Amino acid sequence: PTTTITTTTTTTTTTTTTTTTTTTTTTTTTTSTSNSNNNNNNNNNKFFWSSIKLLRSLQS
């Protein structure tokens, strides 16, 4: 009689690679430039001081 021996070898390789990259960039730039307000304040200031000087000169 003939005997047949069958050997089956199964190799299963499972490789799972998960790469998650989350990059969150938040840039908040707030620039408030109020040149006109500054100019107005400067002018008011000048006017105020010149008025004071004028009053002092009138008083003396």
PDB file of N, CA and C in Angstrom:
ATOM      1  N   PRO A   1       0.835  -1.209   0.000  1.00  0.00           N
ATOM      2  CA  PRO A   1       0.000   0.000   0.000  1.00  0.00           C
ATOM      3  C   PRO A   1       0.875   1.267   0.000  1.00  0.00           C
ATOM      4  N   THR A   2       0.298   2.264  -0.574  1.00  0.00           N
ATOM      5  CA  THR A   2       1.007   3.550  -0.629  1.00  0.00           C
ATOM      6  C   THR A   2       0.393   4.486   0.406  1.00  0.00           C
ATOM      7  N   THR A   3       1.271   5.085   1.149  1.00  0.00           N
ATOM      8  CA  THR A   3       0.788   6.052   2.135  1.00  0.00           C
ATOM      9  C   THR A   3       1.261   7.434   1.676  1.00  0.00           C
ATOM     10  N   THR A   4       0.345   8.333   1.549  1.00  0.00           N
ATOM     11  CA  THR A   4       0.699   9.707   1.156  1.00  0.00           C
ATOM     12  C   THR A   4       0.482  10.600   2.375  1.00  0.00           C
ATOM     13  N   ILE A   5       1.511  11.280   2.696  1.00  0.00           N
ATOM     14  CA  ILE A   5       1.389  12.212   3.815  1.00  0.00           C
ATOM     15  C   ILE A   5       1.494  13.612   3.202  1.00  0.00           C
ATOM     16  N   THR A   6       0.487  14.397   3.398  1.00  0.00           N
ATOM     17  CA  THR A   6       0.482  15.765   2.885  1.00  0.00           C
ATOM     18  C   THR A   6       0.564  16.707   4.083  1.00  0.00           C
ATOM     19  N   THR A   7       1.525  17.527   4.023  1.00  0.00           N
ATOM     20  CA  THR A   7       1.664  18.512   5.094  1.00  0.00           C
ATOM     21  C   THR A   7       1.448  19.890   4.472  1.00  0.00           C
ATOM     22  N   THR A   8       0.542  20.599   5.023  1.00  0.00           N
ATOM     23  CA  THR A   8       0.278  21.943   4.546  1.00  0.00           C
ATOM     24  C   THR A   8       0.631  22.920   5.660  1.00  0.00           C
ATOM     25  N   THR A   9       1.449  23.839   5.301  1.00  0.00           N
ATOM     26  CA  THR A   9       1.814  24.857   6.280  1.00  0.00           C
ATOM     27  C   THR A   9       1.285  26.193   5.764  1.00  0.00           C
ATOM     28  N   THR A  10       0.528  26.847   6.562  1.00  0.00           N
ATOM     29  CA  THR A  10       0.001  28.151   6.191  1.00  0.00           C
ATOM     30  C   THR A  10       0.554  29.179   7.156  1.00  0.00           C
ATOM     31  N   THR A  11       1.155  30.161   6.587  1.00  0.00           N
ATOM     32  CA  THR A  11       1.663  31.251   7.431  1.00  0.00           C
ATOM     33  C   THR A  11       0.920  32.515   7.031  1.00  0.00           C
ATOM     34  N   THR A  12       0.314  33.136   8.002  1.00  0.00           N
ATOM     35  CA  THR A  12      -0.391  34.388   7.750  1.00  0.00           C
ATOM     36  C   THR A  12       0.289  35.481   8.567  1.00  0.00           C
ATOM     37  N   THR A  13       0.698  36.485   7.860  1.00  0.00           N
ATOM     38  CA  THR A  13       1.313  37.626   8.553  1.00  0.00           C
ATOM     39  C   THR A  13       0.457  38.852   8.262  1.00  0.00           C
ATOM     40  N   THR A  14       0.001  39.437   9.297  1.00  0.00           N
ATOM     41  CA  THR A  14      -0.787  40.654   9.136  1.00  0.00           C
ATOM     42  C   THR A  14      -0.043  41.788   9.821  1.00  0.00           C
ATOM     43  N   THR A  15       0.234  42.823   9.047  1.00  0.00           N
ATOM     44  CA  THR A  15       0.896  43.995   9.624  1.00  0.00           C
ATOM     45  C   THR A  15      -0.027  45.186   9.405  1.00  0.00           C
ATOM     46  N   THR A  16      -0.388  45.797  10.479  1.00  0.00           N
ATOM     47  CA  THR A  16      -1.235  46.982  10.381  1.00  0.00           C
ATOM     48  C   THR A  16      -0.453  48.161  10.960  1.00  0.00           C
ATOM     49  N   THR A  17      -0.291  49.155  10.140  1.00  0.00           N
ATOM     50  CA  THR A  17       0.388  50.364  10.613  1.00  0.00           C
ATOM     51  C   THR A  17      -0.584  51.523  10.463  1.00  0.00           C
ATOM     52  N   THR A  18      -0.858  52.142  11.562  1.00  0.00           N
ATOM     53  CA  THR A  18      -1.733  53.311  11.526  1.00  0.00           C
ATOM     54  C   THR A  18      -0.933  54.507  12.013  1.00  0.00           C
ATOM     55  N   THR A  19      -0.863  55.497  11.172  1.00  0.00           N
ATOM     56  CA  THR A  19      -0.166  56.730  11.566  1.00  0.00           C
ATOM     57  C   THR A  19      -1.158  57.875  11.458  1.00  0.00           C
ATOM     58  N   THR A  20      -1.357  58.538  12.565  1.00  0.00           N
ATOM     59  CA  THR A  20      -2.245  59.690  12.560  1.00  0.00           C
ATOM     60  C   THR A  20      -1.431  60.910  12.963  1.00  0.00           C
ATOM     61  N   THR A  21      -1.421  61.867  12.097  1.00  0.00           N
ATOM     62  CA  THR A  21      -0.721  63.113  12.404  1.00  0.00           C
ATOM     63  C   THR A  21      -1.732  64.242  12.341  1.00  0.00           C
ATOM     64  N   THR A  22      -1.888  64.900  13.445  1.00  0.00           N
ATOM     65  CA  THR A  22      -2.785  66.045  13.478  1.00  0.00           C
ATOM     66  C   THR A  22      -1.971  67.272  13.823  1.00  0.00           C
ATOM     67  N   THR A  23      -1.998  68.222  12.947  1.00  0.00           N
ATOM     68  CA  THR A  23      -1.292  69.474  13.199  1.00  0.00           C
ATOM     69  C   THR A  23      -2.316  70.591  13.184  1.00  0.00           C
ATOM     70  N   THR A  24      -2.416  71.273  14.292  1.00  0.00           N
ATOM     71  CA  THR A  24      -3.327  72.408  14.361  1.00  0.00           C
ATOM     72  C   THR A  24      -2.503  73.651  14.639  1.00  0.00           C
ATOM     73  N   THR A  25      -2.594  74.575  13.746  1.00  0.00           N
ATOM     74  CA  THR A  25      -1.879  75.834  13.938  1.00  0.00           C
ATOM     75  C   THR A  25      -2.902  76.950  13.967  1.00  0.00           C
ATOM     76  N   THR A  26      -2.930  77.628  15.067  1.00  0.00           N
ATOM     77  CA  THR A  26      -3.839  78.757  15.180  1.00  0.00           C
ATOM     78  C   THR A  26      -3.008  80.014  15.373  1.00  0.00           C
ATOM     79  N   THR A  27      -3.160  80.912  14.468  1.00  0.00           N
ATOM     80  CA  THR A  27      -2.434  82.176  14.584  1.00  0.00           C
ATOM     81  C   THR A  27      -3.463  83.290  14.659  1.00  0.00           C
ATOM     82  N   THR A  28      -3.426  84.006  15.747  1.00  0.00           N
ATOM     83  CA  THR A  28      -4.336  85.130  15.886  1.00  0.00           C
ATOM     84  C   THR A  28      -3.494  86.393  15.988  1.00  0.00           C
ATOM     85  N   THR A  29      -3.681  87.252  15.053  1.00  0.00           N
ATOM     86  CA  THR A  29      -2.956  88.517  15.079  1.00  0.00           C
ATOM     87  C   THR A  29      -3.977  89.633  15.158  1.00  0.00           C
ATOM     88  N   THR A  30      -3.891  90.365  16.222  1.00  0.00           N
ATOM     89  CA  THR A  30      -4.792  91.495  16.364  1.00  0.00           C
ATOM     90  C   THR A  30      -3.951  92.758  16.402  1.00  0.00           C
ATOM     91  N   THR A  31      -4.142  93.569  15.424  1.00  0.00           N
ATOM     92  CA  THR A  31      -3.404  94.826  15.389  1.00  0.00           C
ATOM     93  C   THR A  31      -4.415  95.951  15.365  1.00  0.00           C
ATOM     94  N   SER A  32      -4.376  96.755  16.381  1.00  0.00           N
ATOM     95  CA  SER A  32      -5.267  97.906  16.417  1.00  0.00           C
ATOM     96  C   SER A  32      -4.404  99.151  16.309  1.00  0.00           C
ATOM     97  N   THR A  33      -4.559  99.822  15.231  1.00  0.00           N
ATOM     98  CA  THR A  33      -3.820 101.069  15.066  1.00  0.00           C
ATOM     99  C   THR A  33      -4.832 102.176  14.916  1.00  0.00           C
ATOM    100  N   SER A  34      -4.846 103.043  15.866  1.00  0.00           N
ATOM    101  CA  SER A  34      -5.769 104.157  15.772  1.00  0.00           C
ATOM    102  C   SER A  34      -4.939 105.430  15.706  1.00  0.00           C
ATOM    103  N   ASN A  35      -4.398 105.664  14.533  1.00  0.00           N
ATOM    104  CA  ASN A  35      -3.573 106.855  14.336  1.00  0.00           C
ATOM    105  C   ASN A  35      -4.407 108.118  14.423  1.00  0.00           C
ATOM    106  N   SER A  36      -5.592 108.066  13.869  1.00  0.00           N
ATOM    107  CA  SER A  36      -6.413 109.272  13.870  1.00  0.00           C
ATOM    108  C   SER A  36      -6.778 109.658  15.303  1.00  0.00           C
ATOM    109  N   ASN A  37      -7.060 108.647  16.131  1.00  0.00           N
ATOM    110  CA  ASN A  37      -7.380 108.942  17.530  1.00  0.00           C
ATOM    111  C   ASN A  37      -6.185 109.547  18.241  1.00  0.00           C
ATOM    112  N   ASN A  38      -5.016 108.975  17.982  1.00  0.00           N
ATOM    113  CA  ASN A  38      -3.813 109.503  18.622  1.00  0.00           C
ATOM    114  C   ASN A  38      -3.566 110.940  18.191  1.00  0.00           C
ATOM    115  N   ASN A  39      -3.752 111.194  16.908  1.00  0.00           N
ATOM    116  CA  ASN A  39      -3.551 112.549  16.412  1.00  0.00           C
ATOM    117  C   ASN A  39      -4.537 113.520  17.039  1.00  0.00           C
ATOM    118  N   ASN A  40      -5.777 113.066  17.151  1.00  0.00           N
ATOM    119  CA  ASN A  40      -6.787 113.921  17.771  1.00  0.00           C
ATOM    120  C   ASN A  40      -6.437 114.217  19.215  1.00  0.00           C
ATOM    121  N   ASN A  41      -5.989 113.196  19.921  1.00  0.00           N
ATOM    122  CA  ASN A  41      -5.617 113.395  21.316  1.00  0.00           C
ATOM    123  C   ASN A  41      -4.449 114.361  21.433  1.00  0.00           C
ATOM    124  N   ASN A  42      -3.479 114.200  20.539  1.00  0.00           N
ATOM    125  CA  ASN A  42      -2.331 115.109  20.568  1.00  0.00           C
ATOM    126  C   ASN A  42      -2.767 116.538  20.300  1.00  0.00           C
ATOM    127  N   ASN A  43      -3.653 116.698  19.327  1.00  0.00           N
ATOM    128  CA  ASN A  43      -4.125 118.043  18.996  1.00  0.00           C
ATOM    129  C   ASN A  43      -4.903 118.640  20.155  1.00  0.00           C
ATOM    130  N   ASN A  44      -5.729 117.824  20.774  1.00  0.00           N
ATOM    131  CA  ASN A  44      -6.499 118.308  21.923  1.00  0.00           C
ATOM    132  C   ASN A  44      -5.564 118.706  23.057  1.00  0.00           C
ATOM    133  N   ASN A  45      -4.536 117.883  23.230  1.00  0.00           N
ATOM    134  CA  ASN A  45      -3.571 118.163  24.270  1.00  0.00           C
ATOM    135  C   ASN A  45      -2.851 119.483  24.016  1.00  0.00           C
ATOM    136  N   LYS A  46      -2.442 119.696  22.778  1.00  0.00           N
ATOM    137  CA  LYS A  46      -1.761 120.932  22.418  1.00  0.00           C
ATOM    138  C   LYS A  46      -2.684 122.136  22.633  1.00  0.00           C
ATOM    139  N   PHE A  47      -3.903 121.929  22.218  1.00  0.00           N
ATOM    140  CA  PHE A  47      -4.866 123.023  22.374  1.00  0.00           C
ATOM    141  C   PHE A  47      -5.071 123.348  23.854  1.00  0.00           C
ATOM    142  N   PHE A  48      -5.187 122.301  24.643  1.00  0.00           N
ATOM    143  CA  PHE A  48      -5.378 122.480  26.078  1.00  0.00           C
ATOM    144  C   PHE A  48      -4.223 123.274  26.686  1.00  0.00           C
ATOM    145  N   TRP A  49      -3.001 122.861  26.371  1.00  0.00           N
ATOM    146  CA  TRP A  49      -1.853 123.540  26.969  1.00  0.00           C
ATOM    147  C   TRP A  49      -1.673 124.953  26.449  1.00  0.00           C
ATOM    148  N   SER A  50      -1.981 125.154  25.200  1.00  0.00           N
ATOM    149  CA  SER A  50      -1.861 126.514  24.700  1.00  0.00           C
ATOM    150  C   SER A  50      -2.923 127.407  25.337  1.00  0.00           C
ATOM    151  N   SER A  51      -4.082 126.835  25.619  1.00  0.00           N
ATOM    152  CA  SER A  51      -5.123 127.607  26.309  1.00  0.00           C
ATOM    153  C   SER A  51      -4.668 127.969  27.714  1.00  0.00           C
ATOM    154  N   ILE A  52      -4.056 127.001  28.379  1.00  0.00           N
ATOM    155  CA  ILE A  52      -3.557 127.267  29.734  1.00  0.00           C
ATOM    156  C   ILE A  52      -2.510 128.386  29.694  1.00  0.00           C
ATOM    157  N   LYS A  53      -1.616 128.298  28.756  1.00  0.00           N
ATOM    158  CA  LYS A  53      -0.580 129.330  28.645  1.00  0.00           C
ATOM    159  C   LYS A  53      -1.195 130.699  28.371  1.00  0.00           C
ATOM    160  N   LEU A  54      -2.177 130.690  27.513  1.00  0.00           N
ATOM    161  CA  LEU A  54      -2.835 131.955  27.177  1.00  0.00           C
ATOM    162  C   LEU A  54      -3.515 132.548  28.411  1.00  0.00           C
ATOM    163  N   LEU A  55      -4.216 131.695  29.148  1.00  0.00           N
ATOM    164  CA  LEU A  55      -4.887 132.171  30.362  1.00  0.00           C
ATOM    165  C   LEU A  55      -3.881 132.710  31.372  1.00  0.00           C
ATOM    166  N   ARG A  56      -2.775 132.014  31.542  1.00  0.00           N
ATOM    167  CA  ARG A  56      -1.759 132.465  32.491  1.00  0.00           C
ATOM    168  C   ARG A  56      -1.175 133.813  32.065  1.00  0.00           C
ATOM    169  N   SER A  57      -0.962 133.924  30.761  1.00  0.00           N
ATOM    170  CA  SER A  57      -0.376 135.181  30.294  1.00  0.00           C
ATOM    171  C   SER A  57      -1.365 136.329  30.481  1.00  0.00           C
ATOM    172  N   LEU A  58      -2.656 136.022  30.328  1.00  0.00           N
ATOM    173  CA  LEU A  58      -3.663 137.063  30.530  1.00  0.00           C
ATOM    174  C   LEU A  58      -3.771 137.443  32.000  1.00  0.00           C
ATOM    175  N   GLN A  59      -3.575 136.466  32.863  1.00  0.00           N
ATOM    176  CA  GLN A  59      -3.706 136.734  34.300  1.00  0.00           C
ATOM    177  C   GLN A  59      -2.562 137.594  34.805  1.00  0.00           C
ATOM    178  N   SER A  60      -1.400 137.437  34.245  1.00  0.00           N
ATOM    179  CA  SER A  60      -0.249 138.135  34.804  1.00  0.00           C
ATOM    180  C   SER A  60      -0.163 139.593  34.365  1.00  0.00           C
TER     181      SER A  60
END
